[in-house]
Amino acid sequence: MKKITVNLILVMMCFFHFSVFAAEKFGKIEQTTIQSEILTETRELVVYLPADYEDSTQPFPVLYITDGDIQGPHTAATLDYLSKFDVAPSMIVVGIVNPRHKRAEDLTLTKDSSEQPEHLAGADRFLSYIEQEVIPFIKSRYRTSAYQALSGTSHGGQFAVNALIKRPNLFNGVIAISPSLYWNNKQLLNLAEEALKNQALKGRLFMSIANEEPTMTEPFQQLVELTNKYPSKNLNVLVKTFSDESHNSTTLLGQYYGLKHLFPNWAIPETPQTLADLQAVFKARSALLNQTLVIPEDRAAGYGQWLQYLNRQEDALALLKWNIKTYPQSLNAHSALIKAYLHFNLPDAAKAALEAALKSVSGLSTEQKEQLEGLFT
């Protein structure tokens, strides 16, 4: 019996995995420009829409990423893979392009100046550009949720840390990969210490460093020590060192682990899940994204069938009943419940479920009716 149960679990795990590939879709890439008043010039954006964007009506969380023409493609691909296997949510990735000749000016801090403290320059000006022009543009053009994150590498990592300090309420999560914290005699460390000491930072922060020169690693470690010195319940920090990677190759791993840190416990355990289990997962997801997320019909049906195969009658029927109540127009949901009743040798309940399906599912074709009635043969 134990061997049979293990085999069934493996079969159901494979079912969930292969169903991903069976429904393979591809995302869409859109290139656009913004005439920026803050930067006084035209700037490019590359927007990567997730594979399920066009076929849904739901809003999507957004990941903004510096060096978007370079870092955007692999980041969008990583997110696509993680979301297909339900390890992270589907996201819109907004690649903010930093032209080579403007990159240092866009992403790095300028030295403190007492002459014109109100005049924004460098990273602070570019941050205002993102906050006041890029984000409103994206929100007006795409279906976005309240959740937004920022990711950057090297100078982009410096920019991401600066954004966390200067705009602690702007991004829910920040990824800083190999940040150039040595800049301007470690100017950002002083700003970070003040913000950490005042408990001003919030959200989730991922930082990583590779096998790099002391110029990079020493200030990075100093920032890590500051986060340990001034812990905060409002700021969740994860730090990783990729000793087998270089400054250029570390971005791939950094984005992967960074995204997983932004969405803790997003993945559903690969074990049979009851209705209560799934509702707990989706309640946590809803709180994280600040939007209501409901268990999808196909996911509920799949776990209901898994519980059915394990002969967990009460759990299976509870989940499948919830499914038809939540998705009364789903032929698949009704079919799954009828099959479960028949599996558990409850013919009267199965017939009642059939009658309910015929009444509640609108526009049933003759073929679909015969399909439902054929479950009893």
Protein backbone atom coordinates (compact mmCIF):
# COMPACT_ATOMS: atom_id res chain seq x y z
CA MET A 1 0.00 0.00 0.00
CA LYS A 2 2.86 2.36 0.82
CA LYS A 3 4.46 1.71 -2.59
CA ILE A 4 1.16 2.43 -4.37
CA THR A 5 0.74 5.69 -2.46
CA VAL A 6 4.27 6.83 -3.31
CA ASN A 7 3.69 5.99 -6.98
CA LEU A 8 0.45 7.97 -7.01
CA ILE A 9 2.19 10.97 -5.51
CA LEU A 10 4.89 10.78 -8.17
CA VAL A 11 2.24 10.51 -10.88
CA MET A 12 0.40 13.59 -9.59
CA MET A 13 3.64 15.59 -9.30
CA CYS A 14 4.45 14.73 -12.91
CA PHE A 15 0.90 15.68 -13.90
CA PHE A 16 1.34 19.18 -12.52
CA HIS A 17 4.75 19.54 -14.16
CA PHE A 18 3.76 18.27 -17.60
CA SER A 19 0.57 20.33 -17.61
CA VAL A 20 2.83 23.39 -17.56
CA PHE A 21 4.53 22.36 -20.78
CA ALA A 22 1.26 21.30 -22.39
CA ALA A 23 -0.05 24.84 -22.05
CA GLU A 24 3.16 26.53 -23.19
CA LYS A 25 2.77 30.20 -24.10
CA PHE A 26 5.21 32.97 -24.76
CA GLY A 27 5.37 36.47 -23.38
CA LYS A 28 5.48 39.66 -25.38
CA ILE A 29 8.16 42.34 -25.61
CA GLU A 30 7.25 45.97 -26.22
CA GLN A 31 9.73 48.79 -26.79
CA THR A 32 8.67 52.34 -26.14
CA THR A 33 10.05 55.76 -25.29
CA ILE A 34 9.36 58.50 -22.77
CA GLN A 35 9.98 62.16 -23.36
CA SER A 36 11.32 62.94 -19.91
CA GLU A 37 10.92 66.43 -18.52
CA ILE A 38 13.12 65.53 -15.54
CA LEU A 39 16.00 64.25 -17.68
CA THR A 40 15.16 66.71 -20.49
CA GLU A 41 15.56 64.04 -23.17
CA THR A 42 13.92 60.98 -24.69
CA ARG A 43 14.57 57.69 -22.91
CA GLU A 44 13.84 54.07 -23.86
CA LEU A 45 11.94 51.37 -21.99
CA VAL A 46 11.70 47.68 -22.80
CA VAL A 47 8.60 46.05 -21.31
CA TYR A 48 8.42 42.28 -20.95
CA LEU A 49 4.85 41.08 -20.54
CA PRO A 50 4.32 37.64 -18.97
CA ALA A 51 2.93 34.77 -21.02
CA ASP A 52 -0.48 34.91 -19.30
CA TYR A 53 -0.94 38.69 -19.57
CA GLU A 54 -3.06 38.85 -22.72
CA ASP A 55 -5.39 36.00 -21.74
CA SER A 56 -6.30 37.43 -18.33
CA THR A 57 -7.92 40.47 -16.81
CA GLN A 58 -6.01 40.47 -13.54
CA PRO A 59 -3.45 43.11 -12.53
CA PHE A 60 0.20 42.08 -12.42
CA PRO A 61 3.01 43.06 -10.04
CA VAL A 62 5.89 44.93 -11.67
CA LEU A 63 9.65 44.53 -11.49
CA TYR A 64 11.63 47.60 -12.58
CA ILE A 65 15.19 46.85 -13.59
CA THR A 66 18.11 49.10 -14.49
CA ASP A 67 20.23 48.35 -17.58
CA GLY A 68 16.99 46.93 -18.89
CA ASP A 69 18.19 46.17 -22.41
CA ILE A 70 20.97 43.96 -20.99
CA GLN A 71 19.51 42.59 -17.75
CA GLY A 72 15.87 42.51 -18.83
CA PRO A 73 15.83 39.46 -21.16
CA HIS A 74 17.38 36.94 -18.76
CA THR A 75 15.44 38.34 -15.79
CA ALA A 76 12.14 38.05 -17.65
CA ALA A 77 13.08 34.49 -18.65
CA THR A 78 13.90 33.59 -15.03
CA LEU A 79 10.57 34.98 -13.88
CA ASP A 80 8.77 33.15 -16.67
CA TYR A 81 10.25 29.84 -15.52
CA LEU A 82 9.62 30.47 -11.82
CA SER A 83 6.02 31.52 -12.43
CA LYS A 84 5.28 28.55 -14.70
CA PHE A 85 6.19 26.26 -11.81
CA ASP A 86 4.40 28.51 -9.31
CA VAL A 87 7.55 29.47 -7.41
CA ALA A 88 6.94 33.20 -7.98
CA PRO A 89 4.09 35.24 -9.44
CA SER A 90 3.89 36.29 -13.06
CA MET A 91 5.27 39.81 -13.31
CA ILE A 92 5.62 42.61 -15.79
CA VAL A 93 9.33 43.39 -16.16
CA VAL A 94 10.11 46.99 -17.07
CA GLY A 95 13.62 47.30 -18.45
CA ILE A 96 14.83 50.86 -17.91
CA VAL A 97 17.51 51.46 -20.50
CA ASN A 98 20.67 53.24 -19.38
CA PRO A 99 22.72 54.27 -22.44
CA ARG A 100 26.42 53.55 -22.03
CA HIS A 101 27.41 57.21 -22.11
CA LYS A 102 24.75 58.07 -19.50
CA ARG A 103 25.01 55.05 -17.22
CA ALA A 104 27.33 56.44 -14.54
CA GLU A 105 25.43 59.71 -14.45
CA ASP A 106 22.08 57.90 -14.13
CA LEU A 107 22.95 55.32 -11.50
CA THR A 108 25.59 56.76 -9.18
CA LEU A 109 25.41 59.28 -6.39
CA THR A 110 26.84 62.75 -6.78
CA LYS A 111 29.03 64.17 -4.05
CA ASP A 112 27.25 66.08 -1.31
CA SER A 113 26.83 69.71 -2.22
CA SER A 114 25.74 72.47 0.12
CA GLU A 115 25.53 75.02 -2.69
CA GLN A 116 22.34 73.70 -4.31
CA PRO A 117 20.83 71.10 -1.95
CA GLU A 118 17.47 71.33 -3.73
CA HIS A 119 18.99 70.48 -7.12
CA LEU A 120 18.73 66.76 -7.86
CA ALA A 121 21.54 65.14 -9.80
CA GLY A 122 22.84 61.70 -10.65
CA ALA A 123 21.04 58.75 -9.07
CA ASP A 124 18.65 60.99 -7.15
CA ARG A 125 17.47 62.67 -10.32
CA PHE A 126 17.14 59.33 -12.10
CA LEU A 127 15.13 58.00 -9.15
CA SER A 128 12.74 60.93 -9.51
CA TYR A 129 12.46 60.12 -13.21
CA ILE A 130 11.40 56.55 -12.36
CA GLU A 131 9.03 57.62 -9.60
CA GLN A 132 7.37 60.54 -11.35
CA GLU A 133 7.47 59.51 -15.01
CA VAL A 134 8.22 55.84 -15.60
CA ILE A 135 5.94 54.32 -12.95
CA PRO A 136 2.90 56.50 -13.81
CA PHE A 137 3.45 55.72 -17.51
CA ILE A 138 3.52 51.97 -16.85
CA LYS A 139 0.45 52.14 -14.61
CA SER A 140 -1.49 54.06 -17.24
CA ARG A 141 -0.61 51.65 -20.03
CA TYR A 142 -0.68 48.20 -18.39
CA ARG A 143 -2.70 46.32 -15.78
CA THR A 144 -0.51 46.68 -12.73
CA SER A 145 -1.09 45.77 -9.11
CA ALA A 146 0.10 47.77 -6.12
CA TYR A 147 3.19 45.58 -5.76
CA GLN A 148 6.38 46.84 -7.36
CA ALA A 149 10.04 45.91 -6.97
CA LEU A 150 13.40 47.22 -8.16
CA SER A 151 16.50 45.36 -9.26
CA GLY A 152 19.96 46.55 -10.25
CA THR A 153 23.49 45.24 -10.76
CA SER A 154 26.83 46.95 -10.09
CA HIS A 155 26.10 50.69 -10.45
CA GLY A 156 22.48 49.55 -10.75
CA GLY A 157 22.90 47.79 -7.40
CA GLN A 158 24.19 51.04 -5.90
CA PHE A 159 21.15 52.75 -7.38
CA ALA A 160 18.82 50.12 -5.89
CA VAL A 161 20.22 50.56 -2.38
CA ASN A 162 19.99 54.34 -2.74
CA ALA A 163 16.36 53.98 -3.85
CA LEU A 164 15.58 51.88 -0.78
CA ILE A 165 17.05 54.59 1.43
CA LYS A 166 15.61 57.63 -0.34
CA ARG A 167 12.17 56.14 -1.15
CA PRO A 168 11.49 53.45 1.49
CA ASN A 169 7.79 53.30 0.56
CA LEU A 170 8.19 53.18 -3.21
CA PHE A 171 9.24 49.55 -3.70
CA ASN A 172 8.03 46.47 -1.84
CA GLY A 173 11.24 44.63 -2.63
CA VAL A 174 14.75 45.56 -3.74
CA ILE A 175 17.45 43.39 -5.34
CA ALA A 176 21.01 44.76 -5.26
CA ILE A 177 23.56 42.56 -7.03
CA SER A 178 27.25 43.40 -6.56
CA PRO A 179 26.46 47.03 -5.68
CA SER A 180 29.32 49.51 -6.20
CA LEU A 181 29.29 50.76 -2.63
CA TYR A 182 32.85 52.08 -2.84
CA TRP A 183 31.54 55.09 -4.81
CA ASN A 184 32.38 58.56 -3.48
CA ASN A 185 34.40 57.20 -0.58
CA LYS A 186 31.56 54.86 0.50
CA GLN A 187 29.06 57.69 0.65
CA LEU A 188 26.09 55.32 0.55
CA LEU A 189 27.20 53.52 3.71
CA ASN A 190 26.76 56.69 5.77
CA LEU A 191 23.28 57.19 4.33
CA ALA A 192 22.42 53.56 4.98
CA GLU A 193 23.59 53.67 8.60
CA GLU A 194 21.47 56.71 9.35
CA ALA A 195 18.39 55.13 7.74
CA LEU A 196 18.92 51.79 9.47
CA LYS A 197 19.52 53.44 12.82
CA ASN A 198 16.27 55.38 12.46
CA GLN A 199 14.36 52.22 11.45
CA ALA A 200 13.30 54.02 8.27
CA LEU A 201 13.70 51.12 5.84
CA LYS A 202 11.00 48.58 5.04
CA GLY A 203 10.19 45.75 2.67
CA ARG A 204 12.44 42.91 1.51
CA LEU A 205 16.06 43.43 0.50
CA PHE A 206 18.30 40.94 -1.28
CA MET A 207 22.01 41.68 -1.66
CA SER A 208 24.70 39.53 -3.23
CA ILE A 209 28.39 39.73 -4.06
CA ALA A 210 30.63 37.60 -6.24
CA ASN A 211 34.33 36.68 -6.14
CA GLU A 212 35.51 40.25 -6.60
CA GLU A 213 38.19 42.73 -5.63
CA PRO A 214 38.34 44.09 -2.06
CA THR A 215 37.20 47.43 -3.46
CA MET A 216 33.81 45.76 -3.98
CA THR A 217 33.68 43.19 -1.20
CA GLU A 218 34.81 45.33 1.76
CA PRO A 219 32.10 48.02 1.60
CA PHE A 220 29.57 45.30 0.79
CA GLN A 221 30.47 43.49 4.01
CA GLN A 222 30.26 46.78 5.90
CA LEU A 223 26.69 47.26 4.69
CA VAL A 224 25.86 43.70 5.73
CA GLU A 225 27.25 44.41 9.18
CA LEU A 226 25.12 47.55 9.41
CA THR A 227 21.95 45.57 8.66
CA ASN A 228 22.94 43.17 11.44
CA LYS A 229 23.76 46.00 13.83
CA TYR A 230 20.41 47.73 13.30
CA PRO A 231 17.88 44.94 12.69
CA SER A 232 14.30 45.91 11.94
CA LYS A 233 11.07 43.95 11.90
CA ASN A 234 10.05 46.04 8.89
CA LEU A 235 13.07 45.13 6.76
CA ASN A 236 13.79 41.52 5.81
CA VAL A 237 17.33 41.13 4.50
CA LEU A 238 18.93 38.17 2.74
CA VAL A 239 22.59 38.18 1.78
CA LYS A 240 24.38 35.70 -0.50
CA THR A 241 27.95 35.33 -1.68
CA PHE A 242 28.57 33.59 -5.00
CA SER A 243 32.25 32.70 -4.68
CA ASP A 244 32.31 30.79 -7.97
CA GLU A 245 30.99 33.74 -9.97
CA SER A 246 32.58 36.89 -11.35
CA HIS A 247 31.20 40.42 -11.32
CA ASN A 248 29.72 39.85 -14.78
CA SER A 249 28.36 36.32 -14.35
CA THR A 250 26.82 36.75 -10.90
CA THR A 251 23.71 38.54 -12.16
CA LEU A 252 21.98 35.35 -13.31
CA LEU A 253 22.14 33.74 -9.87
CA GLY A 254 21.51 37.04 -8.14
CA GLN A 255 18.22 37.61 -9.95
CA TYR A 256 17.10 34.02 -9.30
CA TYR A 257 17.74 34.07 -5.56
CA GLY A 258 16.63 37.68 -5.29
CA LEU A 259 13.24 36.95 -6.83
CA LYS A 260 12.75 33.95 -4.56
CA HIS A 261 13.52 36.14 -1.54
CA LEU A 262 10.97 38.73 -2.62
CA PHE A 263 8.24 36.07 -2.61
CA PRO A 264 8.80 33.84 0.43
CA ASN A 265 6.72 30.67 0.74
CA TRP A 266 5.06 31.39 -2.60
CA ALA A 267 5.54 27.84 -3.85
CA ILE A 268 2.95 25.25 -2.85
CA PRO A 269 4.57 22.18 -1.25
CA GLU A 270 4.68 19.20 -3.61
CA THR A 271 2.44 17.18 -1.33
CA PRO A 272 -1.35 16.66 -1.30
CA GLN A 273 -3.04 19.94 -0.35
CA THR A 274 -6.44 20.28 1.29
CA LEU A 275 -8.80 23.22 0.78
CA ALA A 276 -7.56 24.75 4.05
CA ASP A 277 -3.93 24.30 2.96
CA LEU A 278 -4.50 26.03 -0.38
CA GLN A 279 -6.55 28.82 1.14
CA ALA A 280 -3.73 29.54 3.59
CA VAL A 281 -1.23 29.78 0.74
CA PHE A 282 -3.42 32.10 -1.31
CA LYS A 283 -4.23 34.24 1.72
CA ALA A 284 -0.50 34.78 2.27
CA ARG A 285 -0.01 35.54 -1.42
CA SER A 286 -2.85 38.05 -1.35
CA ALA A 287 -1.33 39.83 1.65
CA LEU A 288 2.08 39.97 -0.03
CA LEU A 289 0.76 41.48 -3.27
CA ASN A 290 -1.99 43.51 -1.60
CA GLN A 291 -4.63 42.07 -3.93
CA THR A 292 -7.16 39.26 -3.67
CA LEU A 293 -5.91 36.00 -5.19
CA VAL A 294 -8.19 32.97 -5.45
CA ILE A 295 -7.22 29.34 -5.96
CA PRO A 296 -7.44 28.70 -9.73
CA GLU A 297 -10.07 26.23 -10.92
CA ASP A 298 -7.59 23.86 -12.54
CA ARG A 299 -5.35 23.88 -9.47
CA ALA A 300 -8.27 23.05 -7.16
CA ALA A 301 -9.43 20.27 -9.48
CA GLY A 302 -5.93 18.84 -9.71
CA TYR A 303 -5.39 18.69 -5.97
CA GLY A 304 -8.91 17.35 -5.51
CA GLN A 305 -8.11 14.49 -7.88
CA TRP A 306 -4.85 13.85 -6.06
CA LEU A 307 -6.73 13.55 -2.76
CA GLN A 308 -9.27 11.31 -4.50
CA TYR A 309 -6.54 8.93 -5.67
CA LEU A 310 -5.32 8.76 -2.09
CA ASN A 311 -8.89 7.89 -0.99
CA ARG A 312 -9.07 10.91 1.28
CA GLN A 313 -12.80 11.25 0.69
CA GLU A 314 -13.67 14.11 3.04
CA ASP A 315 -10.75 16.27 1.91
CA ALA A 316 -11.27 15.56 -1.79
CA LEU A 317 -15.00 16.29 -1.75
CA ALA A 318 -14.58 19.47 0.30
CA LEU A 319 -12.10 20.87 -2.22
CA LEU A 320 -14.11 19.83 -5.29
CA LYS A 321 -17.37 21.21 -3.84
CA TRP A 322 -15.62 24.51 -3.18
CA ASN A 323 -14.44 24.47 -6.78
CA ILE A 324 -17.91 24.28 -8.35
CA LYS A 325 -19.22 26.86 -5.90
CA THR A 326 -16.42 29.23 -6.86
CA TYR A 327 -16.44 28.36 -10.58
CA PRO A 328 -20.06 27.34 -11.30
CA GLN A 329 -19.58 27.72 -15.07
CA SER A 330 -16.61 25.36 -15.24
CA LEU A 331 -17.42 22.07 -16.95
CA ASN A 332 -14.11 20.68 -15.71
CA ALA A 333 -14.97 21.48 -12.07
CA HIS A 334 -18.36 19.76 -12.32
CA SER A 335 -16.84 16.73 -14.08
CA ALA A 336 -14.21 16.35 -11.37
CA LEU A 337 -16.84 16.36 -8.61
CA ILE A 338 -19.03 13.80 -10.39
CA LYS A 339 -16.02 11.53 -10.93
CA ALA A 340 -15.12 11.82 -7.25
CA TYR A 341 -18.62 10.84 -6.13
CA LEU A 342 -18.50 7.82 -8.42
CA HIS A 343 -15.02 6.93 -7.20
CA PHE A 344 -16.24 6.94 -3.60
CA ASN A 345 -19.31 4.87 -4.56
CA LEU A 346 -21.82 7.65 -3.96
CA PRO A 347 -24.11 7.26 -7.02
CA ASP A 348 -26.99 9.36 -5.68
CA ALA A 349 -24.66 12.26 -4.94
CA ALA A 350 -23.11 11.85 -8.40
CA LYS A 351 -26.55 12.03 -10.08
CA ALA A 352 -27.44 15.14 -8.05
CA ALA A 353 -24.12 16.70 -9.10
CA LEU A 354 -24.93 15.90 -12.73
CA GLU A 355 -28.32 17.60 -12.48
CA ALA A 356 -26.70 20.61 -10.85
CA ALA A 357 -24.12 20.80 -13.64
CA LEU A 358 -26.76 20.65 -16.38
CA LYS A 359 -28.65 23.50 -14.70
CA SER A 360 -25.76 25.76 -13.76
CA VAL A 361 -23.38 25.54 -16.74
CA SER A 362 -24.84 27.77 -19.42
CA GLY A 363 -24.53 27.05 -23.11
CA LEU A 364 -23.76 23.36 -22.82
CA SER A 365 -23.53 21.68 -26.21
CA THR A 366 -25.05 18.29 -26.93
CA GLU A 367 -21.56 16.83 -26.97
CA GLN A 368 -20.75 18.30 -23.54
CA LYS A 369 -24.00 16.97 -22.06
CA GLU A 370 -23.20 13.53 -23.44
CA GLN A 371 -19.72 13.86 -21.96
CA LEU A 372 -21.17 14.47 -18.50
CA GLU A 373 -23.73 11.70 -18.80
CA GLY A 374 -21.06 9.36 -20.13
CA LEU A 375 -19.27 9.50 -16.80
CA PHE A 376 -21.83 7.04 -15.48
CA THR A 377 -21.13 4.33 -18.08
